[in-house]
Each structure stands twice: as structure tokens, then as C-alpha cells.
N, C-alpha and C. Protein backbone atom coordinates (compact mmCIF):
# COMPACT_ATOMS: atom_id res chain seq x y z
N UNK A 1 -35.98 -330.12 81.03
CA UNK A 1 -34.66 -328.89 80.57
C UNK A 1 -35.04 -329.23 79.56
N UNK A 2 -35.11 -330.44 78.72
CA UNK A 2 -35.35 -331.14 77.42
C UNK A 2 -36.66 -330.03 77.02
N UNK A 3 -37.85 -330.37 77.81
CA UNK A 3 -38.69 -329.83 77.56
C UNK A 3 -38.38 -327.79 77.11
N UNK A 4 -37.61 -327.68 77.93
CA UNK A 4 -38.38 -326.12 78.36
C UNK A 4 -36.58 -326.08 77.37
N UNK A 5 -36.06 -326.37 76.52
CA UNK A 5 -34.94 -326.00 75.08
C UNK A 5 -35.59 -326.18 74.09
N UNK A 6 -36.32 -326.70 73.81
CA UNK A 6 -37.50 -327.66 72.76
C UNK A 6 -38.58 -325.66 72.41
N UNK A 7 -39.53 -325.51 73.96
CA UNK A 7 -40.29 -324.84 73.79
C UNK A 7 -39.33 -323.44 73.34
N UNK A 8 -37.81 -322.98 73.89
CA UNK A 8 -37.40 -322.02 73.88
C UNK A 8 -36.91 -321.41 72.30
N UNK A 9 -36.77 -322.91 71.23
CA UNK A 9 -36.49 -322.85 70.51
C UNK A 9 -37.80 -322.96 69.17
N UNK A 10 -38.61 -323.25 69.69
CA UNK A 10 -39.74 -323.09 68.84
C UNK A 10 -39.98 -321.93 68.80
N UNK A 11 -40.26 -320.82 70.55
CA UNK A 11 -40.19 -319.53 70.16
C UNK A 11 -39.03 -319.05 68.96
N UNK A 12 -38.09 -319.14 69.31
CA UNK A 12 -36.80 -318.79 68.37
C UNK A 12 -37.03 -318.71 67.22
N UNK A 13 -37.17 -319.86 66.69
CA UNK A 13 -37.80 -320.39 65.09
C UNK A 13 -38.88 -319.45 64.34
N UNK A 14 -40.06 -319.36 66.10
CA UNK A 14 -41.21 -318.70 65.27
C UNK A 14 -40.91 -317.19 64.92
N UNK A 15 -40.09 -316.87 65.79
CA UNK A 15 -39.48 -315.43 65.89
C UNK A 15 -38.76 -314.35 64.93
N UNK A 16 -37.83 -316.28 64.10
CA UNK A 16 -37.35 -316.01 62.91
C UNK A 16 -38.48 -316.00 61.12
N UNK A 17 -39.09 -316.25 61.65
CA UNK A 17 -40.00 -317.20 60.64
C UNK A 17 -40.83 -316.28 60.48
N UNK A 18 -41.46 -314.83 61.73
CA UNK A 18 -42.40 -313.85 61.24
C UNK A 18 -40.84 -312.40 61.16
N UNK A 19 -40.08 -312.48 60.87
CA UNK A 19 -39.19 -311.59 61.34
C UNK A 19 -38.67 -311.96 59.48
N UNK A 20 -38.42 -312.49 58.81
CA UNK A 20 -38.61 -312.72 57.39
C UNK A 20 -39.79 -312.57 56.59
N UNK A 21 -41.09 -313.03 57.13
CA UNK A 21 -42.32 -313.28 56.61
C UNK A 21 -42.66 -311.48 56.71
N UNK A 22 -42.24 -310.36 57.41
CA UNK A 22 -42.09 -309.35 57.65
C UNK A 22 -41.49 -308.40 56.78
N UNK A 23 -40.38 -308.87 56.41
CA UNK A 23 -38.89 -308.71 55.07
C UNK A 23 -39.60 -308.93 54.24
N UNK A 24 -40.41 -309.49 53.52
CA UNK A 24 -40.49 -310.48 52.69
C UNK A 24 -42.07 -309.43 52.54
N UNK A 25 -42.78 -308.53 52.96
CA UNK A 25 -44.21 -307.81 52.96
C UNK A 25 -43.32 -306.89 52.55
N UNK A 26 -42.20 -306.70 53.61
CA UNK A 26 -42.14 -305.09 53.17
C UNK A 26 -41.38 -304.84 51.51
N UNK A 27 -40.66 -306.01 51.36
CA UNK A 27 -40.22 -305.48 49.94
C UNK A 27 -41.67 -305.68 49.24
N UNK A 28 -42.11 -306.80 49.33
CA UNK A 28 -43.07 -306.74 48.08
C UNK A 28 -44.26 -305.44 48.39
N UNK A 29 -44.27 -304.33 49.43
CA UNK A 29 -45.13 -303.36 49.22
C UNK A 29 -44.22 -302.21 48.14
N UNK A 30 -42.55 -301.97 48.90
CA UNK A 30 -41.28 -301.69 47.75
C UNK A 30 -42.36 -301.42 46.43
N UNK A 31 -41.93 -302.76 45.78
CA UNK A 31 -41.96 -303.26 44.40
C UNK A 31 -43.55 -302.48 43.83
N UNK A 32 -44.55 -302.74 44.52
CA UNK A 32 -46.15 -302.21 44.18
C UNK A 32 -45.69 -300.74 43.88
N UNK A 33 -45.33 -300.04 45.01
CA UNK A 33 -45.53 -298.50 44.81
C UNK A 33 -44.43 -298.02 43.92
N UNK A 34 -43.03 -298.61 43.70
CA UNK A 34 -42.51 -298.30 42.33
C UNK A 34 -43.05 -298.31 40.98
N UNK A 35 -43.50 -299.76 40.77
CA UNK A 35 -44.90 -299.90 39.96
C UNK A 35 -46.18 -298.60 39.80
N UNK A 36 -46.29 -298.82 40.46
CA UNK A 36 -47.84 -297.49 40.48
C UNK A 36 -47.30 -296.55 40.36
N UNK A 37 -46.29 -295.75 40.22
CA UNK A 37 -45.72 -294.68 40.16
C UNK A 37 -45.37 -294.53 38.08
N UNK A 38 -44.45 -295.78 38.15
CA UNK A 38 -44.41 -295.81 36.67
C UNK A 38 -45.80 -295.83 35.66
N UNK A 39 -46.93 -296.39 36.05
CA UNK A 39 -48.33 -296.45 35.51
C UNK A 39 -49.03 -295.79 35.46
N UNK A 40 -48.80 -294.23 37.06
CA UNK A 40 -49.32 -293.43 36.62
C UNK A 40 -50.39 -293.56 37.40
N UNK A 41 -50.43 -294.34 38.20
CA UNK A 41 -50.88 -294.78 39.54
C UNK A 41 -51.21 -294.16 40.87
N UNK A 42 -50.11 -293.89 41.28
CA UNK A 42 -49.46 -292.65 42.20
C UNK A 42 -49.78 -290.97 41.57
N UNK A 43 -51.12 -291.05 42.15
CA UNK A 43 -51.23 -288.97 41.57
C UNK A 43 -50.41 -288.24 42.16
N UNK A 44 -49.98 -288.46 42.83
CA UNK A 44 -49.06 -287.36 43.88
C UNK A 44 -48.07 -287.08 43.40
N UNK A 45 -47.04 -287.53 42.73
CA UNK A 45 -45.67 -286.84 42.07
C UNK A 45 -46.32 -287.04 40.65
N UNK A 46 -47.05 -287.34 40.20
CA UNK A 46 -47.86 -286.43 38.88
C UNK A 46 -48.80 -285.21 38.96
N UNK A 47 -49.70 -284.82 39.72
CA UNK A 47 -50.19 -284.06 39.64
C UNK A 47 -49.16 -282.50 39.61
N UNK A 48 -48.33 -282.58 39.84
CA UNK A 48 -47.61 -281.01 39.87
C UNK A 48 -47.28 -280.82 38.58
N UNK A 49 -46.69 -281.81 37.46
CA UNK A 49 -46.68 -281.37 36.57
C UNK A 49 -47.60 -281.38 35.39
N UNK A 50 -48.70 -282.50 35.83
CA UNK A 50 -50.36 -282.66 34.42
C UNK A 50 -50.48 -281.00 34.58
N UNK A 51 -50.90 -280.55 35.69
CA UNK A 51 -51.45 -279.48 36.10
C UNK A 51 -51.11 -278.17 34.81
N UNK A 52 -50.00 -277.87 35.05
CA UNK A 52 -49.99 -277.07 33.60
C UNK A 52 -50.10 -277.14 32.69
N UNK A 53 -49.43 -278.35 31.97
CA UNK A 53 -49.88 -278.63 31.29
C UNK A 53 -50.95 -278.88 30.46
N UNK A 54 -52.37 -279.57 31.31
CA UNK A 54 -54.21 -279.07 31.37
C UNK A 54 -54.20 -278.00 31.12
N UNK A 55 -53.81 -276.73 31.51
CA UNK A 55 -54.12 -275.12 31.43
C UNK A 55 -53.67 -274.84 30.23
N UNK A 56 -52.32 -274.83 29.80
CA UNK A 56 -51.42 -275.03 28.90
C UNK A 56 -52.79 -275.05 27.12
N UNK A 57 -52.80 -276.45 27.64
CA UNK A 57 -53.88 -276.94 26.64
C UNK A 57 -55.12 -276.14 26.17
N UNK A 58 -55.58 -275.77 27.54
CA UNK A 58 -56.61 -275.05 27.42
C UNK A 58 -56.60 -273.55 26.49
N UNK A 59 -55.73 -273.51 27.19
CA UNK A 59 -55.15 -272.08 26.45
C UNK A 59 -55.37 -271.63 25.66
N UNK A 60 -54.70 -272.69 25.01
CA UNK A 60 -53.80 -272.54 23.21
C UNK A 60 -55.35 -273.69 22.66
N UNK A 61 -56.56 -274.12 22.90
CA UNK A 61 -57.70 -274.43 22.27
C UNK A 61 -58.61 -273.07 22.28
N UNK A 62 -58.38 -272.43 23.74
CA UNK A 62 -59.28 -271.32 23.80
C UNK A 62 -59.33 -269.88 22.18
N UNK A 63 -58.50 -270.43 21.68
CA UNK A 63 -58.50 -269.29 20.28
C UNK A 63 -59.10 -270.00 19.30
N UNK A 64 -59.23 -271.38 18.64
CA UNK A 64 -60.12 -271.86 17.95
C UNK A 64 -60.91 -272.42 18.55
N UNK A 65 -62.09 -272.97 19.78
CA UNK A 65 -62.73 -274.05 20.30
C UNK A 65 -63.83 -272.97 19.53
N UNK A 66 -63.74 -271.73 19.71
CA UNK A 66 -65.12 -270.64 18.88
C UNK A 66 -65.42 -270.93 18.12
N UNK A 67 -64.68 -270.79 16.83
CA UNK A 67 -64.70 -270.87 15.58
C UNK A 67 -64.43 -271.77 14.83
N UNK A 68 -64.79 -272.90 15.06
CA UNK A 68 -64.51 -274.30 14.80
C UNK A 68 -65.59 -273.90 14.00
N UNK A 69 -67.18 -274.16 14.19
CA UNK A 69 -69.06 -274.38 13.49
C UNK A 69 -68.60 -273.38 12.71
N UNK A 70 -67.84 -272.38 12.34
CA UNK A 70 -68.69 -271.04 11.81
C UNK A 70 -67.80 -270.90 9.88
N UNK A 71 -68.77 -270.43 9.64
CA UNK A 71 -69.22 -270.58 8.14
C UNK A 71 -68.79 -269.49 7.57
N UNK A 72 -68.00 -269.56 7.45
CA UNK A 72 -67.06 -268.32 6.53
C UNK A 72 -67.27 -268.03 5.72
N UNK A 73 -68.57 -268.12 3.82
CA UNK A 73 -69.53 -267.73 3.14
C UNK A 73 -70.78 -266.71 3.80
N UNK A 74 -70.90 -266.75 5.40
CA UNK A 74 -72.03 -266.22 5.56
C UNK A 74 -71.35 -264.85 5.96
N UNK A 75 -71.88 -264.03 5.62
CA UNK A 75 -71.43 -262.32 5.92
C UNK A 75 -72.05 -261.30 6.68
N UNK A 76 -72.71 -261.57 7.93
CA UNK A 76 -72.78 -260.59 8.60
C UNK A 76 -73.17 -259.43 7.89
N UNK A 77 -72.14 -258.46 8.28
CA UNK A 77 -70.94 -257.27 7.91
C UNK A 77 -69.45 -256.69 7.47
N UNK A 78 -69.43 -256.37 6.77
CA UNK A 78 -68.03 -255.95 6.52
C UNK A 78 -67.77 -254.33 6.88
N UNK A 79 -66.64 -254.22 7.35
CA UNK A 79 -66.10 -253.02 7.52
C UNK A 79 -64.61 -252.30 7.50
N UNK A 80 -64.05 -251.04 7.32
CA UNK A 80 -62.86 -250.64 6.72
C UNK A 80 -62.51 -250.26 8.06
N UNK A 81 -61.31 -250.61 8.05
CA UNK A 81 -60.45 -250.55 9.17
C UNK A 81 -58.73 -248.91 8.52
N UNK A 82 -57.92 -249.19 9.19
CA UNK A 82 -56.95 -248.62 8.39
C UNK A 82 -56.08 -249.04 7.69
N UNK A 83 -55.27 -248.72 6.96
CA UNK A 83 -54.31 -249.06 6.07
C UNK A 83 -54.96 -250.43 5.15
N UNK A 84 -55.58 -250.20 4.56
CA UNK A 84 -55.97 -251.52 3.99
C UNK A 84 -56.54 -252.66 4.17
N UNK A 85 -57.01 -252.64 5.87
CA UNK A 85 -57.56 -253.07 6.47
C UNK A 85 -59.38 -253.49 6.53
N UNK A 86 -59.59 -255.29 6.30
CA UNK A 86 -61.21 -255.13 6.72
C UNK A 86 -61.62 -256.14 7.51
N UNK A 87 -62.77 -255.90 7.97
CA UNK A 87 -63.15 -256.79 9.27
C UNK A 87 -64.39 -257.47 8.49
N UNK A 88 -64.61 -258.69 8.90
CA UNK A 88 -65.38 -259.46 8.06
C UNK A 88 -66.05 -260.14 8.49
N UNK A 89 -67.01 -259.45 9.49
CA UNK A 89 -67.71 -260.56 11.22
C UNK A 89 -68.79 -262.07 10.03
N UNK A 90 -68.67 -263.15 10.75
CA UNK A 90 -69.22 -264.16 9.56
C UNK A 90 -70.31 -264.49 11.29
N UNK A 91 -70.32 -264.29 12.01
CA UNK A 91 -71.02 -265.02 12.89
C UNK A 91 -71.52 -263.82 14.31
N UNK A 92 -72.50 -263.73 15.05
CA UNK A 92 -73.14 -263.29 16.00
C UNK A 92 -73.95 -264.31 16.94
N UNK A 93 -73.32 -264.96 17.63
CA UNK A 93 -74.46 -266.36 18.11
C UNK A 93 -74.45 -266.13 19.07
N UNK A 94 -75.61 -266.00 20.31
CA UNK A 94 -75.88 -265.68 21.47
C UNK A 94 -76.56 -267.78 22.00
N UNK A 95 -75.31 -267.76 22.96
CA UNK A 95 -74.74 -269.11 23.51
C UNK A 95 -75.49 -269.17 25.05
N UNK A 96 -75.89 -270.39 25.24
CA UNK A 96 -77.01 -270.81 26.42
C UNK A 96 -76.18 -270.28 27.71
N UNK A 97 -74.20 -270.45 27.85
CA UNK A 97 -74.38 -270.15 28.59
C UNK A 97 -74.04 -267.94 29.17
N UNK A 98 -75.30 -267.68 28.22
CA UNK A 98 -75.30 -266.88 29.42
C UNK A 98 -74.18 -265.30 28.41
N UNK A 99 -73.82 -265.59 27.20
CA UNK A 99 -72.83 -265.17 26.22
C UNK A 99 -73.12 -264.62 25.07
N UNK A 100 -72.11 -264.03 24.23
CA UNK A 100 -72.44 -264.20 22.63
C UNK A 100 -71.42 -263.55 22.13
N UNK A 101 -70.78 -265.05 20.83
CA UNK A 101 -69.40 -265.11 20.08
C UNK A 101 -69.84 -264.02 18.84
N UNK A 102 -68.87 -263.65 18.64
CA UNK A 102 -68.99 -262.61 17.17
C UNK A 102 -67.56 -263.47 16.96
N UNK A 103 -67.72 -263.54 15.48
CA UNK A 103 -66.80 -264.79 14.90
C UNK A 103 -66.58 -263.62 13.45
N UNK A 104 -64.90 -263.25 13.07
CA UNK A 104 -65.31 -263.15 11.63
C UNK A 104 -63.47 -262.85 11.11
N UNK A 105 -62.80 -262.57 10.25
CA UNK A 105 -62.03 -262.40 9.87
C UNK A 105 -61.01 -261.39 9.24
N UNK A 106 -60.48 -260.92 9.84
CA UNK A 106 -59.69 -259.77 9.60
C UNK A 106 -58.82 -259.58 8.46
N UNK A 107 -58.28 -258.92 6.94
CA UNK A 107 -57.94 -259.39 5.73
C UNK A 107 -57.30 -258.67 5.81
N UNK A 108 -56.04 -258.24 5.44
CA UNK A 108 -54.83 -257.55 5.44
C UNK A 108 -54.89 -257.20 3.29
N UNK A 109 -55.83 -256.02 2.47
CA UNK A 109 -55.49 -255.82 1.45
C UNK A 109 -54.76 -254.88 1.11
N UNK A 110 -54.09 -254.49 2.21
CA UNK A 110 -52.48 -253.11 1.77
C UNK A 110 -51.49 -254.16 0.71
N UNK A 111 -50.80 -253.52 0.75
CA UNK A 111 -48.79 -254.00 0.25
C UNK A 111 -47.66 -254.32 0.98
N UNK A 112 -48.63 -254.03 2.72
CA UNK A 112 -47.56 -253.78 3.29
C UNK A 112 -48.51 -254.90 4.19
N UNK A 113 -47.04 -254.83 5.40
CA UNK A 113 -47.21 -256.29 6.36
C UNK A 113 -47.80 -255.67 7.13
N UNK A 114 -49.03 -255.63 7.69
CA UNK A 114 -49.97 -254.99 9.72
C UNK A 114 -49.78 -255.52 10.21
N UNK A 115 -49.53 -254.97 11.83
CA UNK A 115 -49.43 -255.35 12.60
C UNK A 115 -50.54 -255.36 13.41
N UNK A 116 -50.24 -256.81 14.23
CA UNK A 116 -51.49 -257.62 14.77
C UNK A 116 -52.03 -257.01 16.52
N UNK A 117 -51.03 -255.87 17.26
CA UNK A 117 -51.26 -255.43 17.84
C UNK A 117 -52.16 -253.89 18.32
N UNK A 118 -52.88 -253.83 17.76
CA UNK A 118 -53.64 -252.76 17.39
C UNK A 118 -54.85 -252.59 17.87
N UNK A 119 -55.13 -254.17 18.08
CA UNK A 119 -56.69 -254.34 18.28
C UNK A 119 -56.85 -254.55 19.38
N UNK A 120 -55.80 -254.34 20.81
CA UNK A 120 -56.50 -255.00 22.19
C UNK A 120 -56.45 -254.06 23.13
N UNK A 121 -56.23 -252.41 22.48
CA UNK A 121 -57.62 -251.51 23.65
C UNK A 121 -56.71 -250.49 23.86
N UNK A 122 -56.97 -249.66 24.90
CA UNK A 122 -56.14 -248.58 25.46
C UNK A 122 -55.67 -249.06 27.28
N UNK A 123 -56.37 -250.14 27.45
CA UNK A 123 -56.76 -250.41 29.01
C UNK A 123 -54.96 -250.92 29.14
N UNK A 124 -53.96 -250.58 29.64
CA UNK A 124 -52.71 -250.98 29.80
C UNK A 124 -52.84 -252.32 30.98
N UNK A 125 -53.83 -252.68 31.44
CA UNK A 125 -54.06 -254.20 32.07
C UNK A 125 -54.05 -255.42 31.72
N UNK A 126 -55.34 -254.63 30.25
CA UNK A 126 -55.81 -255.42 29.51
C UNK A 126 -54.68 -255.89 28.84
N UNK A 127 -54.51 -254.70 28.31
CA UNK A 127 -52.95 -254.97 27.21
C UNK A 127 -51.58 -255.75 27.60
N UNK A 128 -51.30 -255.77 28.64
CA UNK A 128 -50.20 -256.45 29.04
C UNK A 128 -50.77 -258.08 29.40
N UNK A 129 -52.45 -258.06 29.81
CA UNK A 129 -52.39 -259.60 30.19
C UNK A 129 -53.07 -259.66 28.31
N UNK A 130 -52.94 -259.83 27.73
CA UNK A 130 -53.49 -260.51 26.64
C UNK A 130 -52.66 -259.51 25.09
N UNK A 131 -50.89 -259.02 25.21
CA UNK A 131 -50.68 -258.84 24.27
C UNK A 131 -51.09 -259.15 22.81
N UNK A 132 -50.97 -258.74 21.45
CA UNK A 132 -51.64 -259.10 20.17
C UNK A 132 -53.08 -259.61 20.37
N UNK A 133 -54.21 -259.15 20.77
CA UNK A 133 -55.15 -259.43 20.93
C UNK A 133 -56.43 -258.33 20.15
N UNK A 134 -57.66 -259.26 20.71
CA UNK A 134 -58.57 -257.90 20.41
C UNK A 134 -59.64 -257.83 20.86
N UNK A 135 -58.84 -257.77 22.29
CA UNK A 135 -59.62 -257.14 23.49
C UNK A 135 -60.37 -256.25 23.48
N UNK A 136 -59.91 -254.86 22.94
CA UNK A 136 -60.51 -253.83 22.78
C UNK A 136 -61.94 -253.98 22.40
N UNK A 137 -62.26 -254.63 21.72
CA UNK A 137 -63.55 -254.67 20.63
C UNK A 137 -64.44 -254.57 22.23
N UNK A 138 -65.98 -253.58 21.40
CA UNK A 138 -67.35 -254.02 22.61
C UNK A 138 -68.07 -253.68 21.87
N UNK A 139 -68.84 -254.44 23.04
CA UNK A 139 -70.82 -254.30 21.56
C UNK A 139 -71.16 -252.93 23.02
N UNK A 140 -72.23 -252.94 22.18
CA UNK A 140 -73.05 -251.80 22.66
C UNK A 140 -75.06 -252.52 22.09
N UNK A 141 -75.13 -252.42 23.12
CA UNK A 141 -77.05 -252.54 23.39
C UNK A 141 -77.91 -251.34 23.02
N UNK A 142 -78.17 -250.82 22.28
CA UNK A 142 -79.05 -249.55 22.25
C UNK A 142 -80.32 -249.33 22.49
N UNK A 143 -80.75 -250.20 22.57
CA UNK A 143 -82.14 -250.54 23.41
C UNK A 143 -81.92 -250.57 25.60
N UNK A 144 -80.91 -251.65 26.03
CA UNK A 144 -81.11 -251.29 26.95
C UNK A 144 -79.93 -250.05 27.55
N UNK A 145 -79.25 -249.42 26.09
CA UNK A 145 -77.90 -249.08 26.54
C UNK A 145 -77.25 -248.70 27.57
N UNK A 146 -76.41 -249.87 26.95
CA UNK A 146 -75.78 -250.26 27.67
C UNK A 146 -74.16 -251.16 27.33
N UNK A 147 -72.75 -251.32 27.54
CA UNK A 147 -71.95 -251.37 26.66
C UNK A 147 -71.69 -252.24 27.30
N UNK A 148 -71.11 -253.51 26.41
CA UNK A 148 -70.60 -254.55 27.23
C UNK A 148 -68.58 -255.29 26.78
N UNK A 149 -67.70 -255.37 27.02
CA UNK A 149 -67.05 -255.24 27.07
C UNK A 149 -66.49 -257.09 27.39
N UNK A 150 -65.29 -257.07 26.60
CA UNK A 150 -65.14 -258.58 26.33
C UNK A 150 -65.00 -259.43 27.99
N UNK A 151 -65.07 -260.46 27.55
CA UNK A 151 -65.17 -261.47 28.81
C UNK A 151 -64.10 -261.40 28.94
N UNK A 152 -63.95 -261.96 30.68
CA UNK A 152 -62.19 -262.41 30.80
C UNK A 152 -62.53 -263.08 31.77
N UNK A 153 -60.91 -263.71 32.43
CA UNK A 153 -60.84 -264.89 33.65
C UNK A 153 -60.57 -264.00 34.80
N UNK A 154 -60.42 -264.77 36.07
CA UNK A 154 -59.97 -264.60 37.02
C UNK A 154 -58.31 -263.83 37.01
N UNK A 155 -57.80 -264.33 35.87
CA UNK A 155 -56.00 -264.47 35.84
C UNK A 155 -56.20 -262.78 35.10
N UNK A 156 -57.30 -261.98 34.12
CA UNK A 156 -57.26 -260.88 33.06
C UNK A 156 -56.97 -261.58 32.11
N UNK A 157 -57.42 -262.51 31.83
CA UNK A 157 -57.30 -263.29 29.98
C UNK A 157 -58.15 -262.95 29.55
N UNK A 158 -58.65 -262.21 28.26
CA UNK A 158 -59.94 -262.31 27.35
C UNK A 158 -59.94 -263.43 27.29
N UNK A 159 -61.46 -263.80 26.89
CA UNK A 159 -62.00 -264.44 25.93
C UNK A 159 -62.12 -264.23 24.56
N UNK A 160 -60.78 -263.97 23.73
CA UNK A 160 -60.40 -263.90 22.56
C UNK A 160 -59.41 -264.38 22.33
N UNK A 161 -59.39 -263.99 20.92
CA UNK A 161 -58.12 -264.53 19.99
C UNK A 161 -56.67 -263.80 20.69
N UNK A 162 -55.74 -264.65 20.77
CA UNK A 162 -54.51 -263.65 21.40
C UNK A 162 -53.31 -264.32 20.62
N UNK A 163 -52.32 -263.93 20.89
CA UNK A 163 -51.20 -263.89 20.42
C UNK A 163 -51.53 -263.66 18.73
N UNK A 164 -52.23 -262.44 18.43
CA UNK A 164 -51.69 -262.42 16.85
C UNK A 164 -50.46 -262.19 16.70
N UNK A 165 -50.68 -263.14 15.06
CA UNK A 165 -49.35 -262.28 14.35
C UNK A 165 -49.50 -261.44 13.08
N UNK A 166 -48.11 -260.93 12.64
CA UNK A 166 -48.61 -259.35 11.79
C UNK A 166 -48.87 -260.26 10.65
N UNK A 167 -50.45 -259.33 10.16
CA UNK A 167 -50.85 -260.03 9.02
C UNK A 167 -50.07 -259.98 7.43
N UNK A 168 -49.37 -260.51 7.18
CA UNK A 168 -48.40 -260.35 5.59
C UNK A 168 -49.58 -259.60 4.45
N UNK A 169 -49.19 -258.87 3.49
CA UNK A 169 -50.20 -258.52 2.70
C UNK A 169 -50.66 -259.40 1.81
N UNK A 170 -52.30 -259.19 1.85
CA UNK A 170 -52.92 -260.14 1.29
C UNK A 170 -53.12 -261.30 2.04
N UNK A 171 -53.16 -261.33 3.64
CA UNK A 171 -53.34 -262.21 4.24
C UNK A 171 -54.04 -262.54 4.95
N UNK A 172 -54.53 -263.18 6.03
CA UNK A 172 -56.07 -262.61 6.92
C UNK A 172 -55.72 -264.18 8.29
N UNK A 173 -56.97 -263.40 8.59
CA UNK A 173 -56.52 -264.19 9.92
C UNK A 173 -57.50 -263.86 11.11
N UNK A 174 -58.54 -265.02 11.48
CA UNK A 174 -59.80 -265.57 12.07
C UNK A 174 -59.54 -264.77 13.81
N UNK A 175 -60.26 -264.61 13.72
CA UNK A 175 -61.07 -264.11 15.44
C UNK A 175 -62.54 -264.25 15.66
N UNK A 176 -62.08 -264.47 17.17
CA UNK A 176 -63.26 -264.61 18.04
C UNK A 176 -63.22 -264.19 18.96
N UNK A 177 -64.61 -263.48 19.88
CA UNK A 177 -64.75 -262.73 20.87
C UNK A 177 -65.52 -262.94 21.66
N UNK A 178 -65.94 -262.97 22.66
CA UNK A 178 -66.78 -263.57 23.63
C UNK A 178 -67.45 -262.33 24.73
N UNK A 179 -68.11 -261.89 24.80
CA UNK A 179 -69.11 -260.78 25.80
C UNK A 179 -69.71 -261.62 26.46
N UNK A 180 -70.42 -260.88 27.86
CA UNK A 180 -72.00 -261.22 27.95
C UNK A 180 -73.23 -260.72 27.19
N UNK A 181 -73.94 -261.51 27.49
CA UNK A 181 -75.13 -261.01 26.58
C UNK A 181 -76.66 -260.35 27.31
N UNK A 182 -76.48 -259.39 25.72
CA UNK A 182 -78.18 -258.53 26.73
C UNK A 182 -79.29 -259.23 26.93
N UNK A 183 -80.42 -258.66 27.56
CA UNK A 183 -80.89 -259.36 27.69
C UNK A 183 -81.72 -260.18 26.12
N UNK A 184 -82.96 -261.25 26.10
CA UNK A 184 -83.26 -261.68 25.22
C UNK A 184 -84.33 -260.83 23.95
N UNK A 185 -84.25 -259.70 24.59
CA UNK A 185 -85.11 -258.89 23.89
C UNK A 185 -84.72 -258.10 23.38
N UNK A 186 -82.78 -258.12 22.84
CA UNK A 186 -82.39 -257.06 22.26
C UNK A 186 -81.79 -258.25 21.36
N UNK A 187 -81.95 -257.62 20.16
CA UNK A 187 -81.73 -258.76 19.28
C UNK A 187 -80.53 -258.07 17.96
N UNK A 188 -80.65 -256.72 18.12
CA UNK A 188 -79.26 -255.97 17.36
C UNK A 188 -78.26 -255.59 18.76
N UNK A 189 -77.14 -255.42 18.00
CA UNK A 189 -75.71 -254.66 18.86
C UNK A 189 -74.96 -253.89 18.05
N UNK A 190 -74.38 -252.96 18.17
CA UNK A 190 -73.34 -252.25 17.60
C UNK A 190 -71.82 -252.68 18.13
N UNK A 191 -71.35 -253.19 17.13
CA UNK A 191 -69.92 -254.00 17.33
C UNK A 191 -68.75 -252.48 16.51
N UNK A 192 -67.79 -252.60 17.94
CA UNK A 192 -66.93 -251.82 17.80
C UNK A 192 -65.24 -252.65 18.20
N UNK A 193 -64.58 -252.77 17.14
CA UNK A 193 -63.03 -253.18 16.75
C UNK A 193 -61.86 -252.12 16.84
N UNK A 194 -61.20 -251.66 18.01
CA UNK A 194 -60.50 -250.58 17.38
C UNK A 194 -59.65 -250.38 16.31
N UNK A 195 -59.42 -249.41 15.13
CA UNK A 195 -59.26 -248.72 14.33
C UNK A 195 -60.68 -249.58 13.24
N UNK A 196 -60.99 -249.84 13.72
CA UNK A 196 -62.48 -250.58 12.85
C UNK A 196 -63.36 -249.18 12.49
N UNK A 197 -64.36 -249.69 11.43
CA UNK A 197 -65.39 -248.68 11.72
C UNK A 197 -66.75 -249.23 12.41
N UNK A 198 -67.84 -248.57 13.02
CA UNK A 198 -68.85 -249.51 14.09
C UNK A 198 -70.01 -250.41 12.97
N UNK A 199 -70.00 -251.62 12.87
CA UNK A 199 -71.09 -252.04 12.46
C UNK A 199 -72.38 -252.73 13.53
N UNK A 200 -73.13 -252.45 12.90
CA UNK A 200 -74.68 -253.39 13.38
C UNK A 200 -74.95 -255.17 12.97
N UNK A 201 -75.40 -255.34 14.30
CA UNK A 201 -74.98 -256.32 14.02
C UNK A 201 -76.23 -257.44 14.74
N UNK A 202 -77.02 -258.60 13.91
CA UNK A 202 -77.94 -259.05 14.17
C UNK A 202 -77.62 -260.03 15.55
N UNK A 203 -78.52 -260.64 15.94
CA UNK A 203 -77.57 -261.66 17.03
C UNK A 203 -78.83 -263.10 16.69
N UNK A 204 -77.95 -263.87 16.69
CA UNK A 204 -78.87 -265.36 16.19
C UNK A 204 -78.44 -266.02 17.65
N UNK A 205 -79.39 -267.23 17.85
CA UNK A 205 -79.53 -268.17 18.52
C UNK A 205 -80.48 -267.52 19.59
């Protein structure tokens, strides 16, 4: 009888020890999960808020990235617009990605404030998606006899300067616009921005 009781006691002790070990392991796992979330190791809870943050950052950079290395002292063309506005084109660059970037400055040489909403064009969808932008600009390849419109992403947002505020008297604002590139054989295009005269521009790059 003593032998049976001893064996039974050992089984009970083993079961208790196993339960205690499992409980400690469960507590340890819970601590690791909590620490992982705090340190950003668990991407599940953080992926939802971080995604729009990255997209917003990209949208903010979109207006400035294309004009970072433009030489403001270079003047490829200067055209007059309405009410004392002047457009100076500083660069027309062909990029390896198959597009052309036009960079320049709009100056207000009048004595009144000028609205930033007059260059979005007349296409209602584009105007709605790109308020106060230069989305209405176009390029014309006279050799290929083809007109090019500003590039847009899948959501209809233009690859151009957006969110233009009113330009104060004597003020100016830098702008850029990206278009599909015409064939390499075309080295000159006609550029038009609403309210401004057309300018013939030579392509570099």
C-alpha cells in the first residue's frame, strides 16, 4: 500500500509542477507580447495608423521634391498672364522614368492679391481632386502633333504643385508640373498654363 501511495503522490507532485511551469510560461509570453507592441515589434496594431501617415508625407513631398535642384537664375522663358502675373520657366527636364518636369515661378507684379485657383483647368474632376493647383497646364509636341496633359495618380491627383495660396502683391510662388515625355526625337515643346501666353521650350536631359 505504501508503494502505491508513494507512486500516486509522485504523480500528483509531477502534475502540480507541470501546471506551475505552464502558468509561468504563459505569464512570460504575455510580457513579451506587451513589450513587443511597445517597441513596435508587433506590426499588426501599428500598420493601420502608420500607412496613412506615410501617404500624407509622400503627398507633402510631392510639391517640393521636383523643384529641389532647380537653378532659379536660369530663365528658359518668361510669359505674361492676366492682371500683372508673370510666369518664368527655369527648367524643362527629361527624366529616365519617361516623363518631363517643367519647373518655374509665378510672380505677381501687380498691386493686388492674386488667387491661386485659376490654373487648375476646366475639367471638373481634375479641379475637384486638385484645388488651387497648376493641373491645367499642357505640352504640345509640334513634331509629333500630340498634346500631353499633366500626369495623375490612380486617385486622380496631379503630379504637380497643389494647394496654392493667394499670391500677395509683389510675391511669387514656385511651381512644377510633370508630363509624359514625347519621343526623344522631339527636343522642343509648346507649354501652356491657363491665363498665360504659350511658350516654346527646349527640353534638357
